[in-house]
N, C-alpha and C. Protein backbone atom coordinates (compact mmCIF):
# COMPACT_ATOMS: atom_id res chain seq x y z
N UNK A 1 0.80 -1.20 0.00
CA UNK A 1 0.00 0.00 0.00
C UNK A 1 0.84 1.26 0.00
N UNK A 2 1.95 1.24 0.75
CA UNK A 2 2.83 2.41 0.81
C UNK A 2 3.46 2.68 -0.56
N UNK A 3 3.86 1.61 -1.23
CA UNK A 3 4.47 1.76 -2.56
C UNK A 3 3.46 2.32 -3.55
N UNK A 4 2.23 1.81 -3.51
CA UNK A 4 1.19 2.32 -4.42
C UNK A 4 0.89 3.78 -4.13
N UNK A 5 0.77 4.14 -2.85
CA UNK A 5 0.50 5.53 -2.48
C UNK A 5 1.61 6.45 -2.95
N UNK A 6 2.86 6.02 -2.76
CA UNK A 6 4.00 6.84 -3.19
C UNK A 6 4.02 6.99 -4.71
N UNK A 7 3.71 5.91 -5.42
CA UNK A 7 3.69 5.96 -6.89
C UNK A 7 2.58 6.87 -7.38
N UNK A 8 1.41 6.76 -6.78
CA UNK A 8 0.27 7.59 -7.19
C UNK A 8 0.54 9.07 -6.91
N UNK A 9 1.27 9.36 -5.84
CA UNK A 9 1.61 10.75 -5.53
C UNK A 9 2.50 11.35 -6.60
N UNK A 10 3.33 10.51 -7.25
CA UNK A 10 4.22 10.99 -8.32
C UNK A 10 3.51 11.15 -9.66
N UNK A 11 2.34 10.52 -9.80
CA UNK A 11 1.60 10.58 -11.06
C UNK A 11 1.04 11.99 -11.29
N UNK A 12 1.26 12.52 -12.49
CA UNK A 12 0.74 13.84 -12.81
C UNK A 12 -0.79 13.83 -12.78
N UNK A 13 -1.40 14.99 -12.56
CA UNK A 13 -2.86 15.07 -12.65
C UNK A 13 -3.32 14.73 -14.08
N UNK A 14 -4.53 14.22 -14.18
CA UNK A 14 -5.14 13.88 -15.47
C UNK A 14 -4.30 12.85 -16.22
N UNK A 15 -4.00 11.77 -15.53
CA UNK A 15 -3.23 10.68 -16.12
C UNK A 15 -3.83 9.34 -15.70
N UNK A 16 -3.52 8.32 -16.51
CA UNK A 16 -3.93 6.96 -16.21
C UNK A 16 -2.78 6.21 -15.54
N UNK A 17 -3.13 5.24 -14.71
CA UNK A 17 -2.16 4.31 -14.14
C UNK A 17 -2.71 2.91 -14.40
N UNK A 18 -1.85 2.02 -14.86
CA UNK A 18 -2.26 0.65 -15.17
C UNK A 18 -1.45 -0.30 -14.30
N UNK A 19 -2.17 -1.22 -13.66
CA UNK A 19 -1.55 -2.22 -12.80
C UNK A 19 -1.98 -3.60 -13.29
N UNK A 20 -1.00 -4.47 -13.51
CA UNK A 20 -1.28 -5.84 -13.93
C UNK A 20 -1.01 -6.75 -12.74
N UNK A 21 -2.04 -7.44 -12.29
CA UNK A 21 -1.92 -8.31 -11.12
C UNK A 21 -2.62 -9.64 -11.37
N UNK A 22 -2.30 -10.59 -10.53
CA UNK A 22 -2.96 -11.87 -10.56
C UNK A 22 -3.33 -12.22 -9.13
N UNK A 23 -4.27 -13.07 -8.99
CA UNK A 23 -4.68 -13.52 -7.66
C UNK A 23 -3.61 -14.42 -7.07
N UNK A 24 -3.51 -14.46 -5.76
CA UNK A 24 -2.55 -15.33 -5.08
C UNK A 24 -3.30 -16.15 -4.03
N UNK A 25 -2.75 -17.32 -3.72
CA UNK A 25 -3.38 -18.20 -2.75
C UNK A 25 -2.69 -18.09 -1.40
N UNK A 26 -3.46 -18.23 -0.35
CA UNK A 26 -2.94 -18.27 1.00
C UNK A 26 -2.50 -19.68 1.36
N UNK A 27 -2.00 -19.87 2.57
CA UNK A 27 -1.53 -21.19 3.02
C UNK A 27 -2.61 -22.27 2.96
N UNK A 28 -3.87 -21.87 3.11
CA UNK A 28 -4.95 -22.86 3.08
C UNK A 28 -5.44 -23.17 1.67
N UNK A 29 -4.83 -22.56 0.66
CA UNK A 29 -5.18 -22.84 -0.73
C UNK A 29 -6.26 -21.96 -1.31
N UNK A 30 -6.84 -21.06 -0.51
CA UNK A 30 -7.89 -20.18 -1.03
C UNK A 30 -7.27 -18.85 -1.46
N UNK A 31 -7.97 -18.17 -2.35
CA UNK A 31 -7.49 -16.88 -2.82
C UNK A 31 -7.51 -15.85 -1.69
N UNK A 32 -6.53 -14.96 -1.72
CA UNK A 32 -6.41 -13.92 -0.71
C UNK A 32 -7.22 -12.66 -1.05
N UNK A 33 -7.63 -12.50 -2.28
CA UNK A 33 -8.34 -11.27 -2.67
C UNK A 33 -7.38 -10.16 -3.06
N UNK A 34 -6.27 -10.54 -3.67
CA UNK A 34 -5.24 -9.56 -4.03
C UNK A 34 -5.75 -8.54 -5.06
N UNK A 35 -6.58 -8.99 -6.00
CA UNK A 35 -7.09 -8.06 -7.02
C UNK A 35 -7.99 -7.00 -6.38
N UNK A 36 -9.01 -7.38 -5.60
CA UNK A 36 -9.81 -6.31 -4.97
C UNK A 36 -9.02 -5.48 -3.96
N UNK A 37 -8.03 -6.08 -3.29
CA UNK A 37 -7.18 -5.30 -2.39
C UNK A 37 -6.42 -4.23 -3.17
N UNK A 38 -5.94 -4.59 -4.35
CA UNK A 38 -5.21 -3.63 -5.20
C UNK A 38 -6.12 -2.46 -5.57
N UNK A 39 -7.36 -2.76 -5.93
CA UNK A 39 -8.31 -1.69 -6.28
C UNK A 39 -8.52 -0.78 -5.07
N UNK A 40 -8.74 -1.35 -3.91
CA UNK A 40 -8.96 -0.54 -2.70
C UNK A 40 -7.75 0.33 -2.37
N UNK A 41 -6.56 -0.23 -2.49
CA UNK A 41 -5.34 0.53 -2.18
C UNK A 41 -5.13 1.69 -3.16
N UNK A 42 -5.40 1.45 -4.44
CA UNK A 42 -5.27 2.52 -5.43
C UNK A 42 -6.30 3.62 -5.18
N UNK A 43 -7.51 3.21 -4.80
CA UNK A 43 -8.53 4.21 -4.48
C UNK A 43 -8.14 5.00 -3.23
N UNK A 44 -7.59 4.32 -2.24
CA UNK A 44 -7.14 5.00 -1.03
C UNK A 44 -6.02 6.00 -1.33
N UNK A 45 -5.28 5.73 -2.41
CA UNK A 45 -4.20 6.63 -2.82
C UNK A 45 -4.71 7.79 -3.67
N UNK A 46 -6.02 7.85 -3.90
CA UNK A 46 -6.60 8.99 -4.59
C UNK A 46 -6.96 8.78 -6.05
N UNK A 47 -6.78 7.57 -6.57
CA UNK A 47 -7.15 7.31 -7.96
C UNK A 47 -8.52 6.67 -8.02
N UNK A 48 -9.16 6.77 -9.17
CA UNK A 48 -10.47 6.15 -9.37
C UNK A 48 -10.31 4.95 -10.31
N UNK A 49 -11.04 3.89 -10.00
CA UNK A 49 -11.02 2.66 -10.80
C UNK A 49 -11.80 2.94 -12.07
N UNK A 50 -11.12 2.88 -13.22
CA UNK A 50 -11.70 3.37 -14.47
C UNK A 50 -12.03 2.26 -15.47
N UNK A 51 -11.16 1.30 -15.64
CA UNK A 51 -11.35 0.21 -16.61
C UNK A 51 -10.70 -1.05 -16.07
N UNK A 52 -11.13 -2.16 -16.61
CA UNK A 52 -10.44 -3.42 -16.33
C UNK A 52 -10.57 -4.32 -17.55
N UNK A 53 -9.58 -5.16 -17.71
CA UNK A 53 -9.62 -6.14 -18.77
C UNK A 53 -8.80 -7.34 -18.32
N UNK A 54 -8.76 -8.35 -19.14
CA UNK A 54 -8.03 -9.57 -18.81
C UNK A 54 -6.92 -9.75 -19.83
N UNK A 55 -5.73 -10.03 -19.33
CA UNK A 55 -4.59 -10.34 -20.18
C UNK A 55 -4.44 -11.85 -20.20
N UNK A 56 -4.73 -12.45 -21.35
CA UNK A 56 -4.64 -13.90 -21.49
C UNK A 56 -3.19 -14.27 -21.77
N UNK A 57 -2.67 -15.19 -21.01
CA UNK A 57 -1.28 -15.61 -21.15
C UNK A 57 -1.20 -16.98 -21.81
N UNK A 58 -0.03 -17.31 -22.31
CA UNK A 58 0.18 -18.59 -22.98
C UNK A 58 -0.06 -19.75 -22.02
N UNK A 59 -0.67 -20.79 -22.53
CA UNK A 59 -0.93 -21.97 -21.71
C UNK A 59 0.37 -22.70 -21.40
N UNK A 60 1.23 -22.83 -22.39
CA UNK A 60 2.53 -23.47 -22.18
C UNK A 60 2.42 -24.81 -21.49
N UNK A 61 3.16 -24.97 -20.41
CA UNK A 61 3.18 -26.25 -19.70
C UNK A 61 2.13 -26.31 -18.58
N UNK A 62 1.21 -25.35 -18.53
CA UNK A 62 0.22 -25.31 -17.47
C UNK A 62 -0.52 -26.64 -17.28
N UNK A 63 -1.02 -27.27 -18.34
CA UNK A 63 -1.74 -28.54 -18.13
C UNK A 63 -0.89 -29.61 -17.43
N UNK A 64 0.39 -29.62 -17.71
CA UNK A 64 1.28 -30.59 -17.06
C UNK A 64 1.51 -30.22 -15.60
N UNK A 65 1.64 -28.93 -15.32
CA UNK A 65 1.96 -28.48 -13.97
C UNK A 65 0.79 -28.58 -13.02
N UNK A 66 -0.43 -28.42 -13.49
CA UNK A 66 -1.57 -28.37 -12.58
C UNK A 66 -2.38 -29.66 -12.51
N UNK A 67 -1.98 -30.64 -13.25
CA UNK A 67 -2.77 -31.88 -13.28
C UNK A 67 -2.99 -32.45 -11.88
N UNK A 68 -1.91 -32.61 -11.12
CA UNK A 68 -2.03 -33.22 -9.79
C UNK A 68 -2.87 -32.35 -8.86
N UNK A 69 -2.62 -31.03 -8.88
CA UNK A 69 -3.40 -30.16 -7.98
C UNK A 69 -4.87 -30.16 -8.36
N UNK A 70 -5.19 -30.27 -9.65
CA UNK A 70 -6.59 -30.32 -10.04
C UNK A 70 -7.23 -31.64 -9.59
N UNK A 71 -6.50 -32.73 -9.79
CA UNK A 71 -7.05 -34.03 -9.41
C UNK A 71 -7.27 -34.15 -7.91
N UNK A 72 -6.42 -33.53 -7.10
CA UNK A 72 -6.56 -33.66 -5.65
C UNK A 72 -7.42 -32.59 -5.01
N UNK A 73 -7.47 -31.37 -5.59
CA UNK A 73 -8.19 -30.29 -4.91
C UNK A 73 -9.13 -29.49 -5.82
N UNK A 74 -9.13 -29.82 -7.11
CA UNK A 74 -9.93 -29.10 -8.11
C UNK A 74 -9.53 -27.64 -8.25
N UNK A 75 -8.28 -27.33 -7.97
CA UNK A 75 -7.76 -25.98 -8.22
C UNK A 75 -7.38 -25.89 -9.69
N UNK A 76 -7.90 -24.86 -10.34
CA UNK A 76 -7.60 -24.63 -11.75
C UNK A 76 -6.29 -23.86 -11.88
N UNK A 77 -5.62 -24.03 -13.00
CA UNK A 77 -4.43 -23.23 -13.30
C UNK A 77 -4.86 -21.92 -13.93
N UNK A 78 -4.15 -20.87 -13.63
CA UNK A 78 -4.51 -19.54 -14.17
C UNK A 78 -3.81 -19.30 -15.50
N UNK A 79 -4.57 -18.85 -16.46
CA UNK A 79 -4.01 -18.49 -17.76
C UNK A 79 -4.32 -17.04 -18.09
N UNK A 80 -4.51 -16.24 -17.04
CA UNK A 80 -4.79 -14.83 -17.27
C UNK A 80 -4.33 -14.00 -16.08
N UNK A 81 -4.24 -12.70 -16.32
CA UNK A 81 -3.94 -11.73 -15.30
C UNK A 81 -4.97 -10.61 -15.41
N UNK A 82 -5.16 -9.89 -14.34
CA UNK A 82 -6.10 -8.76 -14.34
C UNK A 82 -5.34 -7.48 -14.68
N UNK A 83 -5.86 -6.74 -15.64
CA UNK A 83 -5.29 -5.44 -16.01
C UNK A 83 -6.25 -4.39 -15.47
N UNK A 84 -5.81 -3.65 -14.48
CA UNK A 84 -6.64 -2.66 -13.79
C UNK A 84 -6.18 -1.27 -14.19
N UNK A 85 -7.12 -0.46 -14.65
CA UNK A 85 -6.80 0.90 -15.11
C UNK A 85 -7.44 1.90 -14.14
N UNK A 86 -6.63 2.83 -13.69
CA UNK A 86 -7.07 3.87 -12.76
C UNK A 86 -6.82 5.23 -13.39
N UNK A 87 -7.55 6.22 -12.93
CA UNK A 87 -7.35 7.58 -13.44
C UNK A 87 -7.17 8.53 -12.27
N UNK A 88 -6.25 9.45 -12.45
CA UNK A 88 -6.05 10.54 -11.49
C UNK A 88 -6.50 11.81 -12.18
N UNK A 89 -7.62 12.34 -11.74
CA UNK A 89 -8.15 13.54 -12.38
C UNK A 89 -9.20 13.22 -13.42
N UNK A 90 -9.20 13.98 -14.49
CA UNK A 90 -10.22 13.89 -15.54
C UNK A 90 -9.82 12.88 -16.61
N UNK A 91 -10.65 11.87 -16.86
CA UNK A 91 -10.29 10.86 -17.85
C UNK A 91 -10.17 11.39 -19.28
N UNK A 92 -10.96 12.38 -19.63
CA UNK A 92 -10.86 12.94 -20.99
C UNK A 92 -9.54 13.69 -21.18
N UNK A 93 -9.15 14.43 -20.17
CA UNK A 93 -7.86 15.13 -20.27
C UNK A 93 -6.71 14.13 -20.22
N UNK A 94 -6.90 13.04 -19.47
CA UNK A 94 -5.86 11.99 -19.43
C UNK A 94 -5.71 11.34 -20.81
N UNK A 95 -6.84 11.08 -21.47
CA UNK A 95 -6.79 10.49 -22.82
C UNK A 95 -6.13 11.45 -23.80
N UNK A 96 -6.45 12.73 -23.68
CA UNK A 96 -5.84 13.73 -24.57
C UNK A 96 -4.34 13.80 -24.36
N UNK A 97 -3.89 13.66 -23.12
CA UNK A 97 -2.45 13.72 -22.82
C UNK A 97 -1.69 12.56 -23.45
N UNK A 98 -2.36 11.44 -23.64
CA UNK A 98 -1.71 10.29 -24.27
C UNK A 98 -1.45 10.54 -25.75
N UNK A 99 -2.39 11.22 -26.39
CA UNK A 99 -2.25 11.48 -27.82
C UNK A 99 -3.05 10.49 -28.64
N UNK A 100 -2.83 10.55 -29.93
CA UNK A 100 -3.59 9.71 -30.86
C UNK A 100 -3.27 8.23 -30.65
N UNK A 101 -4.28 7.42 -30.88
CA UNK A 101 -4.10 5.96 -30.79
C UNK A 101 -3.49 5.44 -32.08
N UNK A 102 -2.66 4.43 -31.93
CA UNK A 102 -2.09 3.75 -33.09
C UNK A 102 -2.69 2.36 -33.15
N UNK A 103 -3.11 1.96 -34.32
CA UNK A 103 -3.73 0.66 -34.50
C UNK A 103 -2.91 -0.15 -35.49
N UNK A 104 -2.79 -1.44 -35.22
CA UNK A 104 -2.14 -2.33 -36.17
C UNK A 104 -3.08 -2.63 -37.31
N UNK A 105 -2.61 -3.39 -38.26
CA UNK A 105 -3.46 -3.76 -39.39
C UNK A 105 -4.02 -5.16 -39.17
N UNK A 106 -5.15 -5.42 -39.75
CA UNK A 106 -5.76 -6.73 -39.68
C UNK A 106 -5.01 -7.68 -40.60
N UNK A 107 -4.98 -8.93 -40.21
CA UNK A 107 -4.35 -9.95 -41.06
C UNK A 107 -5.12 -10.04 -42.38
N UNK A 108 -4.38 -10.14 -43.47
CA UNK A 108 -5.02 -10.27 -44.77
C UNK A 108 -4.88 -11.67 -45.34
N UNK A 109 -4.14 -12.51 -44.65
CA UNK A 109 -3.96 -13.88 -45.11
C UNK A 109 -5.23 -14.68 -44.83
N UNK A 110 -5.62 -15.57 -45.74
CA UNK A 110 -6.80 -16.39 -45.47
C UNK A 110 -6.53 -17.37 -44.32
N UNK A 111 -7.58 -17.76 -43.65
CA UNK A 111 -7.45 -18.75 -42.59
C UNK A 111 -7.10 -20.10 -43.20
N UNK A 112 -6.41 -20.94 -42.45
CA UNK A 112 -6.09 -22.28 -42.98
C UNK A 112 -7.36 -23.02 -43.37
N UNK A 113 -7.34 -23.61 -44.54
CA UNK A 113 -8.49 -24.38 -45.02
C UNK A 113 -9.57 -23.54 -45.67
N UNK A 114 -9.37 -22.22 -45.75
CA UNK A 114 -10.35 -21.34 -46.38
C UNK A 114 -9.73 -20.78 -47.64
N UNK A 115 -10.38 -20.98 -48.75
CA UNK A 115 -9.87 -20.47 -50.03
C UNK A 115 -9.98 -18.95 -50.06
N UNK A 116 -8.98 -18.27 -50.64
CA UNK A 116 -9.06 -16.82 -50.75
C UNK A 116 -10.33 -16.43 -51.52
N UNK A 117 -11.04 -15.45 -50.98
CA UNK A 117 -12.24 -14.98 -51.64
C UNK A 117 -13.47 -15.82 -51.36
N UNK A 118 -13.31 -16.94 -50.68
CA UNK A 118 -14.47 -17.80 -50.40
C UNK A 118 -15.33 -17.17 -49.32
N UNK A 119 -16.62 -17.32 -49.45
CA UNK A 119 -17.53 -16.87 -48.40
C UNK A 119 -17.55 -17.92 -47.31
N UNK A 120 -17.01 -17.59 -46.17
CA UNK A 120 -16.94 -18.55 -45.07
C UNK A 120 -17.65 -17.98 -43.86
N UNK A 121 -18.38 -18.80 -43.18
CA UNK A 121 -19.00 -18.39 -41.92
C UNK A 121 -17.97 -18.57 -40.82
N UNK A 122 -17.39 -17.47 -40.42
CA UNK A 122 -16.35 -17.53 -39.41
C UNK A 122 -16.85 -16.89 -38.14
């Protein structure tokens, strides 16, 4: 909480702050509530909770690593993190301070098994 408060104090007015967190388990195997604690601490530091989204991470070896824990306790493996967006001040002025958005281009290659120009229900 002290680190978040100190960081938020350094943030200029009319700016966004983004925090990427994941839930953590306590000694008894249950979640501690780290994500809602993070929201409360950021709000206590003077920021407002503005947006949230999920960052999906690669599965990789997760199925191999969590098999035993799932079979014994039904604990699922996490393949995502929480992306929490906060604003200090006015969100419109914060967006203006960032500047214009840049967008990538959409893939133009056909999907595997779909002929170019074919009408496919995707």
